[in-house]
Each structure stands twice: as structure tokens, then as C-alpha cells.
Amino acid sequence: MTCLYRFACADVPLADCLAKSFAQVKLHGLLQAPGAIRLVTWPHLHDDEAGSLLSQVYEARLFNEDGELRWLRDPEAPGTGRAAWITEADAPAPVGFTALPSLTDLETLRGGKILSYGNDFPGAQVPGGLGGYRVCEYIGRAPEPAGTDGNRIIVEHRLLSILTPAEAAEEIARDEGVAP
């Protein structure tokens, strides 16, 4: 069984969250801003683009092998948002984050896929708009009353990797039983 540790931070600009809490941590992921969705690697954003890009982001999902950072802009407080870090690693909270109750007794299902076709994929700059993610799903007991019968549900998931268009095409072909 797996334990998923959760941490939260409120009222924080994305740039501050990354600079203070994840300065020495390499993260990959998606930054969503009006009119643009960018695949990025932190901390390798160029300084000139980082400031303007990060100030426009309304949602971010950045990950590495240890966990996933999620940040969502607060529409009532421009420039700030709420951040969450989820991880299986029993480690101290990132700087500025507060521990939340952990999720325990979870089963994990690694390598599941979320595939998107056409322009539905975040990052439409990807040729053909085709892409997807590999995820780790955390399965736990369903809320009452269903949980009393032993029913289980996906209680959380986190990103493990982003599929290239070629990888997504191979996954789709495999799922549909045709050669890519």
C-alpha cells in the first residue's frame, strides 16, 4: 500500500512559488495562459520569458519523478494563486507549504494514459494537436456508504510524463489494434 503526502500554499505568485520552494528542483510540465499553453522545464526558463510568461499563467502542472506541483490562479487576487505538492516521498514540506492530511492505504496504478485528439490537447502547438500524458492513479476506499461495501475509487492522480505526438499516435494505434 502507498501513502500520498500532500502540501498546500495559498496566496502565492507562481514565480515566487517556483523560485522559493522549487529553486533547486527540476520540473517538467504545462503552463496554461490566455492564448498559449507551453511545455516547459523548470528552472530552465529564460529569465526574459519567465517573468512575462509566469505572470500570465492561470494554471500550472509541473512534475518530476518525486511528485507534482499544481498551481491555480485566484481570480479574486490577480497575480496570486493556490499551490499544492503531492508526493509519495516522506520528506519535509517545500518552503512555504503546509502539510495536509496524507492519503493512506492506497493502491497505485502506474503508466495509465490520458490521450487527446485534435485541438483538445493542451499545447496545440504540438503538430496535429495530438498528445497525452502518462499518469499514476491512486486508488482508495470510496466514501461512505459505498466504501463500507469495499468499493474503491481513484482518489487522486499525478502526471508521470508527457507523451510526444509520435508516442501518442503509437498508443492510439495500439488501443485501436492497428499498426502505427
C-alpha atoms as a PDB file:
ATOM      1  CA  MET A   1       0.000   0.000   0.000  1.00  0.00           C
ATOM      2  CA  THR A   2       1.094   3.548  -0.734  1.00  0.00           C
ATOM      3  CA  CYS A   3       0.854   6.788   1.228  1.00  0.00           C
ATOM      4  CA  LEU A   4       0.405  10.055  -0.674  1.00  0.00           C
ATOM      5  CA  TYR A   5       1.705  13.145   1.117  1.00  0.00           C
ATOM      6  CA  ARG A   6       0.009  16.460   0.351  1.00  0.00           C
ATOM      7  CA  PHE A   7       1.162  20.028   0.955  1.00  0.00           C
ATOM      8  CA  ALA A   8      -0.516  23.363   0.216  1.00  0.00           C
ATOM      9  CA  CYS A   9       0.396  27.031  -0.064  1.00  0.00           C
ATOM     10  CA  ALA A  10      -2.103  29.877  -0.531  1.00  0.00           C
ATOM     11  CA  ASP A  11      -1.785  33.435  -1.816  1.00  0.00           C
ATOM     12  CA  VAL A  12       1.468  32.886  -3.683  1.00  0.00           C
ATOM     13  CA  PRO A  13       2.506  34.122  -7.143  1.00  0.00           C
ATOM     14  CA  LEU A  14       3.645  31.246  -9.365  1.00  0.00           C
ATOM     15  CA  ALA A  15       7.076  32.822  -9.904  1.00  0.00           C
ATOM     16  CA  ASP A  16       7.620  33.105  -6.119  1.00  0.00           C
ATOM     17  CA  CYS A  17       6.389  29.567  -5.538  1.00  0.00           C
ATOM     18  CA  LEU A  18       8.866  28.182  -8.062  1.00  0.00           C
ATOM     19  CA  ALA A  19      11.785  30.408  -7.020  1.00  0.00           C
ATOM     20  CA  LYS A  20      11.425  29.901  -3.257  1.00  0.00           C
ATOM     21  CA  SER A  21      10.105  26.360  -2.985  1.00  0.00           C
ATOM     22  CA  PHE A  22      11.491  24.605  -6.058  1.00  0.00           C
ATOM     23  CA  ALA A  23      14.634  26.591  -6.935  1.00  0.00           C
ATOM     24  CA  GLN A  24      16.885  23.514  -6.954  1.00  0.00           C
ATOM     25  CA  VAL A  25      14.275  21.078  -8.294  1.00  0.00           C
ATOM     26  CA  LYS A  26      13.969  20.131 -11.964  1.00  0.00           C
ATOM     27  CA  LEU A  27      10.312  20.018 -13.046  1.00  0.00           C
ATOM     28  CA  HIS A  28       8.637  19.429 -16.417  1.00  0.00           C
ATOM     29  CA  GLY A  29       5.088  20.293 -17.304  1.00  0.00           C
ATOM     30  CA  LEU A  30       2.439  22.573 -18.684  1.00  0.00           C
ATOM     31  CA  LEU A  31       1.820  26.273 -18.140  1.00  0.00           C
ATOM     32  CA  GLN A  32      -1.586  27.470 -19.317  1.00  0.00           C
ATOM     33  CA  ALA A  33      -2.048  31.164 -20.098  1.00  0.00           C
ATOM     34  CA  PRO A  34      -4.566  33.027 -22.249  1.00  0.00           C
ATOM     35  CA  GLY A  35      -3.861  32.090 -25.836  1.00  0.00           C
ATOM     36  CA  ALA A  36      -0.943  29.811 -25.040  1.00  0.00           C
ATOM     37  CA  ILE A  37      -0.115  26.524 -23.428  1.00  0.00           C
ATOM     38  CA  ARG A  38       3.589  25.896 -23.021  1.00  0.00           C
ATOM     39  CA  LEU A  39       5.516  22.726 -22.343  1.00  0.00           C
ATOM     40  CA  VAL A  40       8.317  23.846 -20.043  1.00  0.00           C
ATOM     41  CA  THR A  41      11.219  22.683 -17.917  1.00  0.00           C
ATOM     42  CA  TRP A  42      11.917  24.475 -14.647  1.00  0.00           C
ATOM     43  CA  PRO A  43      14.348  26.046 -13.777  1.00  0.00           C
ATOM     44  CA  HIS A  44      15.447  26.326 -17.417  1.00  0.00           C
ATOM     45  CA  LEU A  45      13.001  29.035 -18.467  1.00  0.00           C
ATOM     46  CA  HIS A  46      14.939  32.003 -19.838  1.00  0.00           C
ATOM     47  CA  ASP A  47      14.778  34.933 -17.420  1.00  0.00           C
ATOM     48  CA  ASP A  48      13.303  37.296 -20.010  1.00  0.00           C
ATOM     49  CA  GLU A  49      10.487  34.908 -20.923  1.00  0.00           C
ATOM     50  CA  ALA A  50       9.935  33.569 -17.403  1.00  0.00           C
ATOM     51  CA  GLY A  51       8.704  36.866 -15.956  1.00  0.00           C
ATOM     52  CA  SER A  52       6.217  37.656 -18.688  1.00  0.00           C
ATOM     53  CA  LEU A  53       5.074  34.057 -19.123  1.00  0.00           C
ATOM     54  CA  LEU A  54       4.673  33.248 -15.430  1.00  0.00           C
ATOM     55  CA  SER A  55       2.705  36.449 -14.784  1.00  0.00           C
ATOM     56  CA  GLN A  56       0.107  35.366 -17.376  1.00  0.00           C
ATOM     57  CA  VAL A  57      -0.324  31.736 -16.268  1.00  0.00           C
ATOM     58  CA  TYR A  58      -3.682  30.748 -14.799  1.00  0.00           C
ATOM     59  CA  GLU A  59      -2.918  27.058 -14.276  1.00  0.00           C
ATOM     60  CA  ALA A  60       0.330  25.116 -13.965  1.00  0.00           C
ATOM     61  CA  ARG A  61       1.055  21.399 -13.610  1.00  0.00           C
ATOM     62  CA  LEU A  62       4.738  20.647 -13.176  1.00  0.00           C
ATOM     63  CA  PHE A  63       6.156  17.282 -12.168  1.00  0.00           C
ATOM     64  CA  ASN A  64       9.214  15.121 -11.678  1.00  0.00           C
ATOM     65  CA  GLU A  65       9.785  11.551 -10.534  1.00  0.00           C
ATOM     66  CA  ASP A  66       9.099  12.579  -6.915  1.00  0.00           C
ATOM     67  CA  GLY A  67       5.807  14.439  -7.226  1.00  0.00           C
ATOM     68  CA  GLU A  68       3.618  17.027  -8.891  1.00  0.00           C
ATOM     69  CA  LEU A  69       3.178  20.755  -8.295  1.00  0.00           C
ATOM     70  CA  ARG A  70      -0.213  22.200  -9.167  1.00  0.00           C
ATOM     71  CA  TRP A  71      -0.870  25.938  -9.139  1.00  0.00           C
ATOM     72  CA  LEU A  72      -4.174  27.674  -9.861  1.00  0.00           C
ATOM     73  CA  ARG A  73      -4.581  31.465 -10.139  1.00  0.00           C
ATOM     74  CA  ASP A  74      -7.022  33.103  -7.734  1.00  0.00           C
ATOM     75  CA  PRO A  75      -9.456  35.147  -9.879  1.00  0.00           C
ATOM     76  CA  GLU A  76     -10.149  37.461  -6.924  1.00  0.00           C
ATOM     77  CA  ALA A  77      -6.477  38.265  -6.226  1.00  0.00           C
ATOM     78  CA  PRO A  78      -4.647  38.885  -9.525  1.00  0.00           C
ATOM     79  CA  GLY A  79      -1.119  37.535  -9.632  1.00  0.00           C
ATOM     80  CA  THR A  80      -1.526  35.083  -6.778  1.00  0.00           C
ATOM     81  CA  GLY A  81      -2.893  31.604  -6.521  1.00  0.00           C
ATOM     82  CA  ARG A  82      -3.005  28.370  -4.576  1.00  0.00           C
ATOM     83  CA  ALA A  83      -0.351  25.703  -4.912  1.00  0.00           C
ATOM     84  CA  ALA A  84      -0.310  22.027  -3.983  1.00  0.00           C
ATOM     85  CA  TRP A  85       2.547  19.500  -3.975  1.00  0.00           C
ATOM     86  CA  ILE A  86       1.677  15.793  -3.955  1.00  0.00           C
ATOM     87  CA  THR A  87       4.309  13.125  -3.493  1.00  0.00           C
ATOM     88  CA  GLU A  88       4.924   9.594  -2.296  1.00  0.00           C
ATOM     89  CA  ALA A  89       8.188  10.738  -0.685  1.00  0.00           C
ATOM     90  CA  ASP A  90       8.075  11.140   3.093  1.00  0.00           C
ATOM     91  CA  ALA A  91      10.040  14.392   3.060  1.00  0.00           C
ATOM     92  CA  PRO A  92       9.716  17.840   4.638  1.00  0.00           C
ATOM     93  CA  ALA A  93       7.214  20.261   3.141  1.00  0.00           C
ATOM     94  CA  PRO A  94       8.542  22.529   0.392  1.00  0.00           C
ATOM     95  CA  VAL A  95       9.468  26.018   1.667  1.00  0.00           C
ATOM     96  CA  GLY A  96       6.285  27.990   2.379  1.00  0.00           C
ATOM     97  CA  PHE A  97       3.998  24.952   2.171  1.00  0.00           C
ATOM     98  CA  THR A  98       1.885  23.463   4.972  1.00  0.00           C
ATOM     99  CA  ALA A  99       1.278  19.733   5.351  1.00  0.00           C
ATOM    100  CA  LEU A 100      -2.259  18.464   4.751  1.00  0.00           C
ATOM    101  CA  PRO A 101      -3.540  15.089   5.943  1.00  0.00           C
ATOM    102  CA  SER A 102      -1.933  12.343   3.887  1.00  0.00           C
ATOM    103  CA  LEU A 103      -3.936   9.786   1.946  1.00  0.00           C
ATOM    104  CA  THR A 104      -3.123   6.299   3.194  1.00  0.00           C
ATOM    105  CA  ASP A 105      -3.750   2.686   2.213  1.00  0.00           C
ATOM    106  CA  LEU A 106      -3.712   3.484  -1.491  1.00  0.00           C
ATOM    107  CA  GLU A 107      -3.056   1.136  -4.372  1.00  0.00           C
ATOM    108  CA  THR A 108      -1.178   2.597  -7.318  1.00  0.00           C
ATOM    109  CA  LEU A 109      -1.735   2.055 -10.997  1.00  0.00           C
ATOM    110  CA  ARG A 110       1.287   3.467 -12.869  1.00  0.00           C
ATOM    111  CA  GLY A 111       1.514   4.214 -16.546  1.00  0.00           C
ATOM    112  CA  GLY A 112      -2.139   4.815 -17.296  1.00  0.00           C
ATOM    113  CA  LYS A 113      -2.731   7.092 -20.253  1.00  0.00           C
ATOM    114  CA  ILE A 114      -4.852  10.122 -20.916  1.00  0.00           C
ATOM    115  CA  LEU A 115      -4.829  10.721 -24.658  1.00  0.00           C
ATOM    116  CA  SER A 116      -6.218  13.689 -26.544  1.00  0.00           C
ATOM    117  CA  TYR A 117      -7.014  14.132 -30.203  1.00  0.00           C
ATOM    118  CA  GLY A 118      -7.046  17.259 -32.325  1.00  0.00           C
ATOM    119  CA  ASN A 119      -7.047  20.645 -30.658  1.00  0.00           C
ATOM    120  CA  ASP A 120      -8.292  19.238 -27.346  1.00  0.00           C
ATOM    121  CA  PHE A 121      -4.723  18.565 -26.258  1.00  0.00           C
ATOM    122  CA  PRO A 122      -3.262  21.253 -24.044  1.00  0.00           C
ATOM    123  CA  GLY A 123      -0.387  22.524 -26.137  1.00  0.00           C
ATOM    124  CA  ALA A 124      -1.990  22.898 -29.541  1.00  0.00           C
ATOM    125  CA  GLN A 125       1.433  23.985 -30.813  1.00  0.00           C
ATOM    126  CA  VAL A 126       2.112  20.227 -30.961  1.00  0.00           C
ATOM    127  CA  PRO A 127       1.913  19.190 -34.647  1.00  0.00           C
ATOM    128  CA  GLY A 128      -1.563  17.833 -35.269  1.00  0.00           C
ATOM    129  CA  GLY A 129      -2.597  18.765 -31.730  1.00  0.00           C
ATOM    130  CA  LEU A 130      -2.072  15.129 -30.730  1.00  0.00           C
ATOM    131  CA  GLY A 131      -0.640  14.295 -27.358  1.00  0.00           C
ATOM    132  CA  GLY A 132      -1.242  12.829 -23.969  1.00  0.00           C
ATOM    133  CA  TYR A 133       0.072  12.031 -20.526  1.00  0.00           C
ATOM    134  CA  ARG A 134       1.176   9.043 -18.520  1.00  0.00           C
ATOM    135  CA  VAL A 135      -0.265   9.149 -15.041  1.00  0.00           C
ATOM    136  CA  CYS A 136      -0.109   7.349 -11.727  1.00  0.00           C
ATOM    137  CA  GLU A 137      -3.570   6.740 -10.325  1.00  0.00           C
ATOM    138  CA  TYR A 138      -4.079   6.342  -6.587  1.00  0.00           C
ATOM    139  CA  ILE A 139      -6.944   4.036  -5.711  1.00  0.00           C
ATOM    140  CA  GLY A 140      -8.538   4.142  -2.275  1.00  0.00           C
ATOM    141  CA  ARG A 141     -11.698   3.340  -0.423  1.00  0.00           C
ATOM    142  CA  ALA A 142     -14.833   5.045  -1.714  1.00  0.00           C
ATOM    143  CA  PRO A 143     -16.632   7.494   0.590  1.00  0.00           C
ATOM    144  CA  GLU A 144     -19.438   6.166   2.773  1.00  0.00           C
ATOM    145  CA  PRO A 145     -21.786   4.429   2.252  1.00  0.00           C
ATOM    146  CA  ALA A 146     -20.191   2.795  -0.821  1.00  0.00           C
ATOM    147  CA  GLY A 147     -16.884   2.354   0.993  1.00  0.00           C
ATOM    148  CA  THR A 148     -18.460   0.131   3.628  1.00  0.00           C
ATOM    149  CA  ASP A 149     -19.066  -2.434   0.886  1.00  0.00           C
ATOM    150  CA  GLY A 150     -15.393  -2.400  -0.089  1.00  0.00           C
ATOM    151  CA  ASN A 151     -15.832  -0.244  -3.186  1.00  0.00           C
ATOM    152  CA  ARG A 152     -12.696   1.607  -4.303  1.00  0.00           C
ATOM    153  CA  ILE A 153     -12.268   4.685  -6.463  1.00  0.00           C
ATOM    154  CA  ILE A 154      -9.480   6.775  -7.985  1.00  0.00           C
ATOM    155  CA  VAL A 155      -8.898   9.337  -5.220  1.00  0.00           C
ATOM    156  CA  GLU A 156      -6.009  11.156  -6.905  1.00  0.00           C
ATOM    157  CA  HIS A 157      -3.702  11.028  -9.903  1.00  0.00           C
ATOM    158  CA  ARG A 158      -0.437  12.708 -10.803  1.00  0.00           C
ATOM    159  CA  LEU A 159       1.478  13.236 -14.010  1.00  0.00           C
ATOM    160  CA  LEU A 160       4.451  10.981 -14.734  1.00  0.00           C
ATOM    161  CA  SER A 161       5.298  12.119 -18.273  1.00  0.00           C
ATOM    162  CA  ILE A 162       4.002  13.932 -21.325  1.00  0.00           C
ATOM    163  CA  LEU A 163       3.722  11.873 -24.498  1.00  0.00           C
ATOM    164  CA  THR A 164       5.216  13.176 -27.720  1.00  0.00           C
ATOM    165  CA  PRO A 165       2.923  13.192 -30.763  1.00  0.00           C
ATOM    166  CA  ALA A 166       4.670  10.014 -32.037  1.00  0.00           C
ATOM    167  CA  GLU A 167       4.205   8.238 -28.680  1.00  0.00           C
ATOM    168  CA  ALA A 168       0.555   9.311 -28.537  1.00  0.00           C
ATOM    169  CA  ALA A 169      -0.017   8.025 -32.103  1.00  0.00           C
ATOM    170  CA  GLU A 170       1.553   4.665 -31.149  1.00  0.00           C
ATOM    171  CA  GLU A 171      -0.642   4.418 -28.040  1.00  0.00           C
ATOM    172  CA  ILE A 172      -3.790   5.213 -30.042  1.00  0.00           C
ATOM    173  CA  ALA A 173      -2.869   2.671 -32.738  1.00  0.00           C
ATOM    174  CA  ARG A 174      -2.177   0.028 -30.082  1.00  0.00           C
ATOM    175  CA  ASP A 175      -5.503   0.781 -28.332  1.00  0.00           C
ATOM    176  CA  GLU A 176      -7.356   0.538 -31.656  1.00  0.00           C
ATOM    177  CA  GLY A 177      -5.461  -2.605 -32.711  1.00  0.00           C
ATOM    178  CA  VAL A 178      -3.833  -1.133 -35.816  1.00  0.00           C
ATOM    179  CA  ALA A 179      -0.193  -0.636 -36.728  1.00  0.00           C
ATOM    180  CA  PRO A 180       1.062   2.970 -36.378  1.00  0.00           C
END
